[in-house]
N, C-alpha and C. Protein backbone atom coordinates (compact mmCIF):
# COMPACT_ATOMS: atom_id res chain seq x y z
N MET A 1 133.87 0.02 35.13
CA MET A 1 133.31 0.51 36.43
C MET A 1 134.06 1.69 36.82
N LYS A 2 133.33 2.75 37.31
CA LYS A 2 134.00 3.95 37.81
C LYS A 2 134.43 3.77 39.22
N ASN A 3 135.34 4.68 39.61
CA ASN A 3 135.88 4.67 40.99
C ASN A 3 134.76 4.97 41.96
N PRO A 4 134.84 4.26 43.13
CA PRO A 4 133.80 4.54 44.18
C PRO A 4 133.73 6.01 44.64
N VAL A 5 134.84 6.65 44.53
CA VAL A 5 134.86 8.14 44.95
C VAL A 5 133.99 8.94 43.95
N TYR A 6 133.97 8.56 42.72
CA TYR A 6 133.17 9.19 41.72
C TYR A 6 131.64 9.07 41.99
N TRP A 7 131.24 7.85 42.44
CA TRP A 7 129.87 7.71 42.79
C TRP A 7 129.49 8.41 43.99
N ALA A 8 130.37 8.49 44.99
CA ALA A 8 130.14 9.22 46.30
C ALA A 8 129.90 10.68 46.01
N VAL A 9 130.78 11.30 45.09
CA VAL A 9 130.71 12.69 44.71
C VAL A 9 129.34 12.89 43.98
N LEU A 10 129.07 12.01 43.03
CA LEU A 10 127.82 12.19 42.23
C LEU A 10 126.56 12.11 43.11
N VAL A 11 126.49 11.18 44.03
CA VAL A 11 125.39 11.05 44.93
C VAL A 11 125.35 12.34 45.90
N GLY A 12 126.45 12.72 46.37
CA GLY A 12 126.39 13.93 47.25
C GLY A 12 125.92 15.18 46.58
N MET A 13 126.45 15.39 45.28
CA MET A 13 125.93 16.56 44.53
C MET A 13 124.37 16.43 44.26
N SER A 14 123.95 15.25 43.92
CA SER A 14 122.50 15.05 43.63
C SER A 14 121.66 15.42 44.86
N VAL A 15 122.17 14.99 46.01
CA VAL A 15 121.40 15.26 47.24
C VAL A 15 121.37 16.72 47.49
N LEU A 16 122.56 17.43 47.35
CA LEU A 16 122.60 18.86 47.54
C LEU A 16 121.56 19.60 46.61
N LEU A 17 121.55 19.19 45.33
CA LEU A 17 120.68 19.86 44.37
C LEU A 17 119.18 19.58 44.77
N MET A 18 118.87 18.37 45.23
CA MET A 18 117.47 18.14 45.56
C MET A 18 117.11 18.93 46.87
N GLU A 19 118.02 19.08 47.79
CA GLU A 19 117.70 19.74 49.02
C GLU A 19 117.48 21.27 48.77
N GLN A 20 118.11 21.87 47.74
CA GLN A 20 117.97 23.30 47.55
C GLN A 20 116.64 23.63 46.90
N GLY A 21 116.03 22.74 46.18
CA GLY A 21 114.77 22.96 45.47
C GLY A 21 115.01 23.49 44.08
N LEU A 22 113.92 23.52 43.30
CA LEU A 22 114.11 23.95 41.89
C LEU A 22 113.49 25.34 41.77
N PRO A 23 114.18 26.23 41.14
CA PRO A 23 113.63 27.64 40.91
C PRO A 23 112.55 27.65 39.94
N VAL A 24 111.57 28.39 40.06
CA VAL A 24 110.52 28.58 39.13
C VAL A 24 110.49 29.97 38.62
N ARG A 25 110.55 30.11 37.23
CA ARG A 25 110.62 31.41 36.72
C ARG A 25 109.26 31.87 36.26
N SER A 26 109.04 33.20 36.35
CA SER A 26 107.75 33.83 35.90
C SER A 26 107.63 33.79 34.41
N GLN A 27 106.43 33.90 33.94
CA GLN A 27 106.19 33.84 32.53
C GLN A 27 106.32 35.19 31.86
N GLY A 28 106.65 36.21 32.67
CA GLY A 28 106.73 37.58 32.13
C GLY A 28 107.98 37.82 31.23
N ASP A 29 108.08 38.90 30.63
CA ASP A 29 109.12 39.22 29.70
C ASP A 29 110.40 39.44 30.46
N PRO A 30 111.49 38.59 30.25
CA PRO A 30 112.73 38.75 31.04
C PRO A 30 113.43 40.03 30.72
N GLN A 31 113.10 40.75 29.60
CA GLN A 31 113.79 41.92 29.22
C GLN A 31 113.34 43.15 29.93
N SER A 32 112.15 43.01 30.50
CA SER A 32 111.55 44.27 31.15
C SER A 32 112.09 44.35 32.60
N ASP A 33 112.76 45.50 32.85
CA ASP A 33 113.37 45.68 34.15
C ASP A 33 112.38 46.40 35.10
N ASN A 34 111.32 46.94 34.60
CA ASN A 34 110.46 47.75 35.41
C ASN A 34 109.49 46.85 36.23
N ARG A 35 109.37 45.62 35.95
CA ARG A 35 108.50 44.73 36.67
C ARG A 35 109.35 43.98 37.74
N VAL A 36 108.68 43.78 38.89
CA VAL A 36 109.37 43.01 39.93
C VAL A 36 108.99 41.50 39.75
N MET A 37 110.04 40.72 39.63
CA MET A 37 109.86 39.23 39.52
C MET A 37 109.85 38.54 40.80
N ASP A 38 108.97 37.63 41.09
CA ASP A 38 108.97 36.85 42.26
C ASP A 38 109.94 35.72 42.14
N ASN A 39 110.68 35.34 43.19
CA ASN A 39 111.50 34.20 43.15
C ASN A 39 110.87 33.09 44.00
N ILE A 40 110.36 32.13 43.35
CA ILE A 40 109.64 31.11 44.10
C ILE A 40 110.43 29.79 43.98
N THR A 41 110.58 29.08 45.04
CA THR A 41 111.36 27.87 45.11
C THR A 41 110.36 26.79 45.49
N VAL A 42 110.33 25.67 44.62
CA VAL A 42 109.44 24.57 44.88
C VAL A 42 110.37 23.38 45.24
N ARG A 43 110.23 22.82 46.42
CA ARG A 43 111.01 21.66 46.78
C ARG A 43 110.40 20.41 46.19
N GLN A 44 111.25 19.44 46.03
CA GLN A 44 110.75 18.15 45.46
C GLN A 44 109.77 17.49 46.38
N GLY A 45 108.67 16.99 45.87
CA GLY A 45 107.73 16.37 46.68
C GLY A 45 106.56 17.24 47.14
N GLU A 46 106.68 18.60 46.91
CA GLU A 46 105.69 19.58 47.31
C GLU A 46 104.74 19.83 46.14
N THR A 47 103.53 20.10 46.38
CA THR A 47 102.53 20.55 45.40
C THR A 47 102.31 21.98 45.49
N VAL A 48 102.36 22.65 44.33
CA VAL A 48 102.16 24.14 44.32
C VAL A 48 101.11 24.48 43.35
N PHE A 49 100.21 25.29 43.69
CA PHE A 49 99.14 25.77 42.80
C PHE A 49 99.42 27.31 42.54
N LEU A 50 99.64 27.69 41.24
CA LEU A 50 99.91 29.08 40.96
C LEU A 50 98.68 29.67 40.27
């Protein structure tokens, strides 16, 4: 069994990652610098139609 502090840190980090949302990357070519890429964040539990 791991130390309780280990579990507290693990749960805390998981909550922070879920609160920030997940970044969604464009399907465009990542090498092309002449195109402006949109930075879209989708939070957990939300529905997004692209």
